[in-house]
Amino acid sequence: MRYLLLLLGFVVFSNAFSQKKTTDAYFPPYNNWQQKKPAEMGLNATKIAEAISFAVENESKNPRNMEVSHYQSFGKEPFGFGIGPFAERGEPTGVIVYKGYLIAQWGEPNRCDMTHSVTKSFLSTTVGLAVDKGLIKSVNDTVTNYMPPIELYGEPLSRSADDFGKPELLNLFNTTHNKTITWDALLRQTSDWEGTLWGKPDWADRPDKDAAQWLNRTRNKQGTVYEYNDVRVNVLALAALSVWRKPLPQVLKENVMDKIGASNTWRWTGYRNSWIVLDGQAVQSVSGGGHWGGGMFINAYDMARFGLLSLHRGKWNGQQLLSENWVKQALTPTKPEPTYGYMNWFLNTDKKLLPSASANVFYHLGNGANMVYVDPDHELVMVSRWINTNAMDGLVKKVLEAFDK
C-alpha cells in the first residue's frame, strides 16, 4: 500500500510538472510580443549586443536589389530569366527569441522581404497538413495516383497547326521514371523528377558542368541521390495544390499563420505563368523559393513565430497545429544527404555549417542568407537576414556565449 501511494504521488507530481511546463511556455499573441531584456532572462547582455553588431557588420555582399542579384547568379543559368516578382531588400535584420520572449532585435524586423528558400519549409508544411488530414494517405505513396491532368490558364483560344495532336493538358508524372516518385522523395529532394515546368527544365537548375548530361543521362532511382533543385520543388507545390484544391497560401494562412498570430503582411507568390484552371477558377501555383523570383515575402517576426512553432514540434499554446509525427519525419536525416530532412529543414548533425552549435540544432535556410535557427537545448529561436553565409556560425557562437555563466 505504501508503495502504491508513493507511485500515485509520483504520477500526480509528474503530471503537474508536465502541465506546469506546458503552462509556463510563452506564446506571443497576435500583434503583441512580450519583450524582456537579456539580463532579465539570465543572459549576458554584452554578448547579445556583440552578436547584433557582428550580424550587422557581416552583411551579405550581394546587391540589395534582388533582381540585380538574380542576374548575377541564377540568371546566368540556361533559361535563367526571372518570371516572378523581385524586390529591393532591407538592412541586415534579425530577432532573438528565448523561451518564447523577444529578447533582441535589429534592422527592420517589420519589413516584408523575400525569404528565398525558407519558403520551402512553408511548402512542406502544407504537405504535412495534407498528410495529417488524410488527404495524402502516406508519404510513401507515389504522387502520380494523386495527380489529374492539369489545364493551364491563359492558353490561346485556338491551337496552331504545329500543336495539332499534341497533349493539351499538363501531366507531371507520365514518364516511366516519374511514375515511381513518392511524396517522400519530393520532400527530400531525392526524386530526380524529369521534365519542364513553368518554362524551366529540371536540368537547367544548377546545370551539370558536363553538358552531355543535360538531356540524355540515365535517371537515378527515386530516393537514392540528393539534388537541390527548384524545378522539382515547384512540382511538389503544384502536386500539393492539386491535393488541397485551393491555393496553398490560403491553406497556410488558415491552418498555421493565423493560429500562431502572424501578421497580415506576408505574401506567398508564384510566377506570372504558373496559373492553372482549378474547379472553374484561375489559381496560381506558388513557388518554393525566389530562384526565378517570387516565393514568400515575409517579415522577421513572422519567421520567428514559425521557428517557435518548429521548436515546440508543431504545437502552439496547447494546440497541435502540425502533428509531432510530421515534425519528427521532417527532422529525420535523408539517407543520401544526412544534413537534410524534409525541405527545408536542415540538420546540424555533421556540425559543418554551424560547428559552434550542438548536433540537436536545426534551421530553415534560404539564399540571402535567410536563416531561422532553432535550438531546442537552449529554448532558442533566432532569425538572421542578409548575413554572409560564412558569418552564420560566428553569429550563433556569439549568441550562445551569452548563456555562459
Protein backbone atom coordinates (compact mmCIF):
# COMPACT_ATOMS: atom_id res chain seq x y z
CA MET A 1 0.00 0.00 0.00
CA ARG A 2 2.82 2.36 0.86
CA TYR A 3 4.47 1.58 -2.48
CA LEU A 4 1.22 2.27 -4.33
CA LEU A 5 0.76 5.58 -2.53
CA LEU A 6 4.31 6.62 -3.41
CA LEU A 7 3.76 5.60 -7.02
CA LEU A 8 0.49 7.52 -7.17
CA GLY A 9 2.17 10.57 -5.70
CA PHE A 10 4.94 10.37 -8.27
CA VAL A 11 2.42 10.17 -11.13
CA VAL A 12 0.48 13.16 -9.79
CA PHE A 13 3.71 15.14 -9.37
CA SER A 14 4.89 14.20 -12.87
CA ASN A 15 1.59 15.23 -14.44
CA ALA A 16 1.61 18.50 -12.51
CA PHE A 17 5.18 19.19 -13.62
CA SER A 18 4.30 18.40 -17.22
CA GLN A 19 1.28 20.69 -17.09
CA LYS A 20 3.32 23.43 -15.42
CA LYS A 21 5.97 23.15 -18.11
CA THR A 22 3.33 23.47 -20.83
CA THR A 23 1.61 26.34 -19.00
CA ASP A 24 4.90 28.17 -18.46
CA ALA A 25 5.73 28.16 -22.18
CA TYR A 26 5.07 31.63 -23.58
CA PHE A 27 3.44 32.01 -26.98
CA PRO A 28 3.09 35.57 -28.28
CA PRO A 29 -0.48 36.57 -29.21
CA TYR A 30 -1.32 38.38 -32.43
CA ASN A 31 0.25 41.81 -32.75
CA ASN A 32 1.73 41.67 -29.26
CA TRP A 33 5.09 40.06 -28.48
CA GLN A 34 6.28 40.50 -24.91
CA GLN A 35 9.84 41.75 -24.73
CA LYS A 36 12.35 41.12 -21.99
CA LYS A 37 15.89 42.32 -21.57
CA PRO A 38 18.58 39.64 -21.86
CA ALA A 39 19.66 40.23 -18.25
CA GLU A 40 16.09 39.59 -17.04
CA MET A 41 16.36 36.14 -18.60
CA GLY A 42 19.76 35.42 -17.10
CA LEU A 43 21.70 36.11 -20.28
CA ASN A 44 24.81 38.22 -20.81
CA ALA A 45 23.55 41.46 -22.38
CA THR A 46 27.01 42.46 -23.58
CA LYS A 47 27.39 39.24 -25.56
CA ILE A 48 23.97 39.73 -27.17
CA ALA A 49 24.97 43.27 -28.16
CA GLU A 50 28.21 41.93 -29.62
CA ALA A 51 26.25 39.35 -31.61
CA ILE A 52 23.98 42.04 -33.09
CA SER A 53 26.98 44.18 -34.08
CA PHE A 54 28.57 41.12 -35.67
CA ALA A 55 25.43 40.40 -37.72
CA VAL A 56 25.25 43.99 -38.98
CA GLU A 57 28.96 44.11 -39.81
CA ASN A 58 28.74 40.86 -41.80
CA GLU A 59 26.02 41.88 -44.22
CA SER A 60 25.78 39.85 -47.40
CA LYS A 61 27.86 41.34 -50.21
CA ASN A 62 25.17 40.56 -52.82
CA PRO A 63 23.25 43.54 -54.25
CA ARG A 64 20.23 44.66 -52.26
CA ASN A 65 18.24 44.80 -55.47
CA MET A 66 17.05 41.19 -55.72
CA GLU A 67 16.59 41.35 -59.49
CA VAL A 68 20.16 42.53 -59.97
CA SER A 69 21.34 39.87 -57.53
CA HIS A 70 19.44 37.24 -59.52
CA TYR A 71 21.08 38.12 -62.80
CA GLN A 72 24.50 37.98 -61.16
CA SER A 73 23.84 34.40 -60.03
CA PHE A 74 20.93 32.14 -61.06
CA GLY A 75 20.16 34.37 -64.03
CA LYS A 76 23.28 33.02 -65.73
CA GLU A 77 21.80 29.51 -65.93
CA PRO A 78 20.15 28.24 -69.13
CA PHE A 79 16.58 29.60 -69.17
CA GLY A 80 17.52 31.59 -66.07
CA PHE A 81 15.36 34.64 -66.81
CA GLY A 82 13.13 35.83 -63.96
CA ILE A 83 9.42 35.01 -64.13
CA GLY A 84 8.31 36.07 -60.67
CA PRO A 85 8.43 39.34 -58.73
CA PHE A 86 11.67 40.64 -57.23
CA ALA A 87 12.08 43.47 -54.71
CA GLU A 88 14.72 45.56 -53.02
CA ARG A 89 15.70 44.06 -49.68
CA GLY A 90 16.28 45.93 -46.45
CA GLU A 91 19.02 46.27 -43.85
CA PRO A 92 20.64 43.29 -42.09
CA THR A 93 17.84 42.22 -39.80
CA GLY A 94 17.14 39.74 -37.05
CA VAL A 95 15.33 38.82 -33.87
CA ILE A 96 16.29 36.57 -30.96
CA VAL A 97 13.61 34.69 -29.03
CA TYR A 98 14.39 32.92 -25.75
CA LYS A 99 11.75 30.80 -24.02
CA GLY A 100 9.21 32.49 -26.26
CA TYR A 101 10.13 36.04 -25.24
CA LEU A 102 11.62 38.57 -27.61
CA ILE A 103 14.99 39.50 -26.10
CA ALA A 104 16.73 41.25 -29.02
CA GLN A 105 16.09 42.66 -32.47
CA TRP A 106 17.96 44.65 -35.08
CA GLY A 107 17.49 46.13 -38.52
CA GLU A 108 13.96 46.22 -39.94
CA PRO A 109 12.08 43.26 -38.42
CA ASN A 110 8.71 44.58 -39.63
CA ARG A 111 9.83 44.75 -43.25
CA CYS A 112 8.49 42.14 -45.67
CA ASP A 113 11.38 40.84 -47.75
CA MET A 114 11.91 37.83 -49.95
CA THR A 115 12.92 34.92 -47.78
CA HIS A 116 14.02 32.74 -50.69
CA SER A 117 14.24 29.03 -49.84
CA VAL A 118 12.90 29.36 -46.31
CA THR A 119 9.69 29.28 -48.39
CA LYS A 120 10.30 25.56 -48.84
CA SER A 121 9.65 24.97 -45.14
CA PHE A 122 6.24 26.59 -45.52
CA LEU A 123 5.61 24.45 -48.61
CA SER A 124 6.49 21.19 -46.89
CA THR A 125 4.25 22.27 -44.01
CA THR A 126 1.25 22.37 -46.36
CA VAL A 127 2.10 18.82 -47.42
CA GLY A 128 2.35 17.80 -43.77
CA LEU A 129 -1.08 19.28 -43.12
CA ALA A 130 -2.45 17.25 -46.03
CA VAL A 131 -0.98 14.08 -44.52
CA ASP A 132 -2.33 14.94 -41.07
CA LYS A 133 -5.81 15.45 -42.53
CA GLY A 134 -5.70 12.24 -44.57
CA LEU A 135 -5.69 13.98 -47.95
CA ILE A 136 -2.41 12.15 -48.57
CA LYS A 137 -2.59 8.65 -47.13
CA SER A 138 1.16 8.11 -46.87
CA VAL A 139 4.34 9.94 -47.91
CA ASN A 140 5.44 6.62 -49.36
CA ASP A 141 2.60 6.70 -51.89
CA THR A 142 3.53 7.52 -55.47
CA VAL A 143 2.43 11.03 -56.37
CA THR A 144 1.05 10.02 -59.76
CA ASN A 145 -2.02 8.45 -58.13
CA TYR A 146 -2.95 11.86 -56.67
CA MET A 147 -2.41 13.90 -59.82
CA PRO A 148 -5.04 14.58 -62.50
CA PRO A 149 -4.17 16.11 -65.87
CA ILE A 150 -3.90 19.89 -65.38
CA GLU A 151 -5.28 22.60 -67.62
CA LEU A 152 -3.06 25.65 -67.86
CA TYR A 153 -4.76 29.02 -67.57
CA GLY A 154 -4.40 31.59 -70.33
CA GLU A 155 -3.92 29.17 -73.22
CA PRO A 156 -4.89 30.59 -76.66
CA LEU A 157 -8.47 30.00 -77.78
CA SER A 158 -7.35 28.23 -80.95
CA ARG A 159 -4.36 25.95 -81.33
CA SER A 160 -1.90 26.34 -84.16
CA ALA A 161 -1.33 23.61 -86.71
CA ASP A 162 2.04 22.92 -85.07
CA ASP A 163 0.23 21.89 -81.88
CA PHE A 164 -2.33 19.65 -83.60
CA GLY A 165 -2.49 16.23 -81.93
CA LYS A 166 -0.13 17.21 -79.10
CA PRO A 167 -1.24 16.90 -75.45
CA GLU A 168 -3.41 19.79 -74.31
CA LEU A 169 -3.14 19.05 -70.58
CA LEU A 170 -0.13 19.04 -68.26
CA ASN A 171 0.90 15.61 -66.93
CA LEU A 172 3.76 15.84 -64.45
CA PHE A 173 4.18 12.13 -63.77
CA ASN A 174 3.53 10.40 -67.09
CA THR A 175 7.07 9.11 -67.76
CA THR A 176 8.30 5.70 -66.69
CA HIS A 177 10.63 7.25 -64.11
CA ASN A 178 8.25 9.92 -62.81
CA LYS A 179 5.54 7.33 -62.13
CA THR A 180 7.80 5.80 -59.45
CA ILE A 181 8.31 9.04 -57.47
CA THR A 182 6.88 9.24 -53.95
CA TRP A 183 5.90 12.24 -51.85
CA ASP A 184 8.81 11.42 -49.55
CA ALA A 185 11.31 11.64 -52.42
CA LEU A 186 9.99 15.04 -53.49
CA LEU A 187 10.14 16.29 -49.89
CA ARG A 188 13.73 15.09 -49.51
CA GLN A 189 14.87 16.30 -52.95
CA THR A 190 15.77 12.77 -53.99
CA SER A 191 13.17 12.32 -56.75
CA ASP A 192 15.26 13.07 -59.85
CA TRP A 193 11.98 14.12 -61.48
CA GLU A 194 12.42 14.73 -65.21
CA GLY A 195 10.65 17.37 -67.25
CA THR A 196 9.92 21.06 -67.65
CA LEU A 197 7.62 23.19 -65.51
CA TRP A 198 6.83 26.88 -65.93
CA GLY A 199 9.38 27.08 -68.73
CA LYS A 200 12.21 25.74 -66.56
CA PRO A 201 13.75 22.33 -67.46
CA ASP A 202 14.92 20.28 -64.48
CA TRP A 203 18.46 20.04 -65.90
CA ALA A 204 18.78 23.83 -66.23
CA ASP A 205 18.62 24.41 -62.46
CA ARG A 206 22.25 24.37 -61.30
CA PRO A 207 23.19 22.54 -64.53
CA ASP A 208 25.83 19.84 -64.66
CA LYS A 209 29.21 21.10 -65.85
CA ASP A 210 29.12 18.31 -68.42
CA ALA A 211 26.55 19.46 -70.97
CA ALA A 212 26.31 15.90 -72.28
CA GLN A 213 24.45 15.06 -69.06
CA TRP A 214 21.72 17.64 -69.59
CA LEU A 215 19.36 15.71 -71.82
CA ASN A 216 20.38 12.09 -72.12
CA ARG A 217 21.61 10.81 -68.77
CA THR A 218 20.14 7.78 -67.03
CA ARG A 219 17.76 8.75 -64.22
CA ASN A 220 18.65 7.84 -60.64
CA LYS A 221 16.23 5.61 -58.79
CA GLN A 222 14.00 7.82 -56.67
CA GLY A 223 15.20 8.10 -53.10
CA THR A 224 18.84 7.30 -53.85
CA VAL A 225 20.50 10.58 -54.90
CA TYR A 226 20.05 14.03 -53.33
CA GLU A 227 19.96 17.05 -55.62
CA TYR A 228 18.78 20.51 -54.58
CA ASN A 229 16.52 21.51 -57.46
CA ASP A 230 13.87 24.24 -57.54
CA VAL A 231 12.04 22.88 -60.59
CA ARG A 232 11.23 19.75 -58.60
CA VAL A 233 10.28 21.85 -55.60
CA ASN A 234 7.74 23.61 -57.81
CA VAL A 235 6.47 20.20 -58.94
CA LEU A 236 5.74 19.44 -55.28
CA ALA A 237 3.92 22.78 -54.93
CA LEU A 238 1.67 22.01 -57.90
CA ALA A 239 1.02 18.49 -56.60
CA ALA A 240 0.07 19.86 -53.18
CA LEU A 241 -2.24 22.40 -54.83
CA SER A 242 -3.97 19.58 -56.69
CA VAL A 243 -4.50 17.67 -53.45
CA TRP A 244 -5.85 20.64 -51.50
CA ARG A 245 -7.90 22.02 -54.43
CA LYS A 246 -7.31 25.54 -53.16
CA PRO A 247 -4.37 27.98 -53.11
CA LEU A 248 -1.55 26.95 -50.77
CA PRO A 249 -1.23 30.46 -49.23
CA GLN A 250 -4.85 30.09 -48.14
CA VAL A 251 -4.11 26.65 -46.67
CA LEU A 252 -1.11 28.01 -44.77
CA LYS A 253 -2.97 31.07 -43.53
CA GLU A 254 -5.99 29.17 -42.20
CA ASN A 255 -4.14 26.25 -40.63
CA VAL A 256 -0.89 27.81 -39.39
CA MET A 257 -0.19 31.51 -39.80
CA ASP A 258 -3.42 32.86 -38.30
CA LYS A 259 -3.17 30.45 -35.41
CA ILE A 260 0.39 31.43 -34.49
CA GLY A 261 -0.55 35.11 -34.56
CA ALA A 262 1.35 36.02 -37.72
CA SER A 263 0.76 39.41 -39.28
CA ASN A 264 -1.41 40.06 -42.32
CA THR A 265 1.53 41.38 -44.32
CA TRP A 266 3.16 38.16 -45.56
CA ARG A 267 2.55 37.15 -49.17
CA TRP A 268 3.35 33.91 -50.98
CA THR A 269 3.60 34.29 -54.74
CA GLY A 270 4.25 32.11 -57.73
CA TYR A 271 5.24 33.06 -61.25
CA ARG A 272 3.44 35.10 -63.86
CA ASN A 273 2.97 31.94 -65.93
CA SER A 274 2.18 29.48 -63.09
CA TRP A 275 -1.61 29.72 -63.32
CA ILE A 276 -3.90 26.73 -63.78
CA VAL A 277 -7.64 26.16 -64.09
CA LEU A 278 -8.97 24.55 -60.90
CA ASP A 279 -12.69 23.94 -60.35
CA GLY A 280 -13.52 26.59 -62.93
CA GLN A 281 -11.26 29.25 -61.45
CA ALA A 282 -7.81 30.61 -62.22
CA VAL A 283 -5.44 29.65 -59.38
CA GLN A 284 -1.76 30.42 -59.08
CA SER A 285 0.61 27.61 -58.17
CA VAL A 286 3.15 29.17 -55.81
CA SER A 287 6.89 28.67 -55.95
CA GLY A 288 9.11 27.13 -53.31
CA GLY A 289 11.61 29.98 -53.29
CA GLY A 290 12.97 33.00 -55.11
CA HIS A 291 15.17 31.19 -57.64
CA TRP A 292 13.40 32.91 -60.56
CA GLY A 293 11.59 35.47 -58.41
CA GLY A 294 8.55 35.06 -56.22
CA GLY A 295 8.25 32.85 -53.18
CA MET A 296 7.46 34.05 -49.67
CA PHE A 297 7.65 37.75 -48.82
CA ILE A 298 7.57 37.94 -45.03
CA ASN A 299 8.86 39.88 -42.03
CA ALA A 300 11.31 38.62 -39.40
CA TYR A 301 8.70 38.47 -36.62
CA ASP A 302 6.52 36.08 -38.62
CA MET A 303 9.55 33.95 -39.47
CA ALA A 304 10.36 33.78 -35.75
CA ARG A 305 6.81 32.68 -34.95
CA PHE A 306 7.20 29.83 -37.42
CA GLY A 307 10.53 28.99 -35.80
CA LEU A 308 8.85 28.92 -32.39
CA LEU A 309 6.24 26.52 -33.78
CA SER A 310 9.11 24.35 -35.02
CA LEU A 311 10.78 24.49 -31.61
CA HIS A 312 7.58 23.21 -29.98
CA ARG A 313 7.29 20.44 -32.58
CA GLY A 314 4.15 21.73 -34.22
CA LYS A 315 2.31 22.73 -31.03
CA TRP A 316 1.21 26.29 -30.32
CA ASN A 317 -0.24 27.28 -26.97
CA GLY A 318 -1.69 23.82 -26.32
CA GLN A 319 -2.96 23.22 -29.86
CA GLN A 320 -1.19 20.74 -32.15
CA LEU A 321 -1.24 22.59 -35.48
CA LEU A 322 1.18 20.26 -37.24
CA SER A 323 1.47 16.73 -35.93
CA GLU A 324 4.51 15.90 -33.85
CA ASN A 325 4.96 12.84 -36.04
CA TRP A 326 5.31 15.09 -39.08
CA VAL A 327 7.94 17.24 -37.36
CA LYS A 328 9.78 14.06 -36.41
CA GLN A 329 9.78 12.98 -40.06
CA ALA A 330 10.91 16.43 -41.16
CA LEU A 331 13.88 16.11 -38.80
CA THR A 332 14.78 12.59 -39.91
CA PRO A 333 18.01 12.61 -41.97
CA THR A 334 17.78 11.92 -45.68
CA LYS A 335 19.93 8.88 -46.45
CA PRO A 336 21.89 10.37 -49.40
CA GLU A 337 22.21 13.70 -47.51
CA PRO A 338 22.19 13.24 -43.72
CA THR A 339 22.10 17.01 -43.05
CA TYR A 340 18.73 17.38 -44.80
CA GLY A 341 15.31 16.34 -43.58
CA TYR A 342 12.19 17.49 -45.39
CA MET A 343 12.52 20.70 -47.33
CA ASN A 344 13.84 23.00 -45.94
CA TRP A 345 14.64 21.57 -42.52
CA PHE A 346 18.44 21.49 -42.37
CA LEU A 347 20.08 19.37 -39.69
CA ASN A 348 23.29 20.22 -37.85
CA THR A 349 24.27 16.58 -37.41
CA ASP A 350 27.71 16.99 -39.03
CA LYS A 351 28.25 20.46 -37.49
CA LYS A 352 29.95 21.70 -40.67
CA LEU A 353 27.91 24.85 -41.30
CA LEU A 354 27.35 25.62 -37.62
CA PRO A 355 30.21 23.96 -35.69
CA SER A 356 29.54 26.15 -32.64
CA ALA A 357 26.02 24.73 -32.22
CA SER A 358 25.02 21.30 -30.98
CA ALA A 359 24.00 18.45 -33.25
CA ASN A 360 20.42 18.86 -31.99
CA VAL A 361 20.09 22.23 -33.71
CA PHE A 362 18.14 22.55 -36.95
CA TYR A 363 17.39 25.53 -39.14
CA HIS A 364 15.24 26.71 -42.02
CA LEU A 365 17.63 28.20 -44.56
CA GLY A 366 17.36 30.32 -47.69
CA ASN A 367 19.54 32.35 -50.01
CA GLY A 368 20.46 35.80 -48.88
CA ALA A 369 21.28 34.40 -46.35
CA ASN A 370 17.99 33.99 -44.52
CA MET A 371 18.11 31.68 -41.50
CA VAL A 372 15.57 30.61 -38.89
CA TYR A 373 17.80 28.98 -36.26
CA VAL A 374 16.08 26.59 -33.83
CA ASP A 375 17.98 25.38 -30.77
CA PRO A 376 15.95 23.00 -28.54
CA ASP A 377 18.77 22.69 -25.98
CA HIS A 378 18.61 26.42 -25.23
CA GLU A 379 14.89 27.01 -25.96
CA LEU A 380 16.18 29.49 -28.51
CA VAL A 381 14.94 30.75 -31.87
CA MET A 382 16.86 33.27 -33.94
CA VAL A 383 16.09 34.85 -37.28
CA SER A 384 19.01 36.33 -39.18
CA ARG A 385 18.50 38.00 -42.55
CA TRP A 386 21.02 39.23 -45.13
CA ILE A 387 24.08 37.90 -43.35
CA ASN A 388 27.08 36.48 -45.17
CA THR A 389 26.79 32.69 -45.11
CA ASN A 390 30.34 32.33 -43.82
CA ALA A 391 29.42 34.50 -40.81
CA MET A 392 26.40 32.48 -39.69
CA ASP A 393 28.38 30.31 -37.31
CA GLY A 394 30.12 33.34 -35.84
CA LEU A 395 26.73 34.87 -35.05
CA VAL A 396 25.50 31.65 -33.44
CA LYS A 397 28.72 31.36 -31.42
CA LYS A 398 28.37 34.86 -30.02
CA VAL A 399 24.71 34.34 -29.07
CA LEU A 400 25.50 31.06 -27.32
CA GLU A 401 28.27 32.77 -25.37
CA ALA A 402 25.54 34.85 -23.73
CA PHE A 403 24.42 31.67 -21.95
CA ASP A 404 27.80 31.13 -20.28
CA LYS A 405 27.59 31.86 -16.59
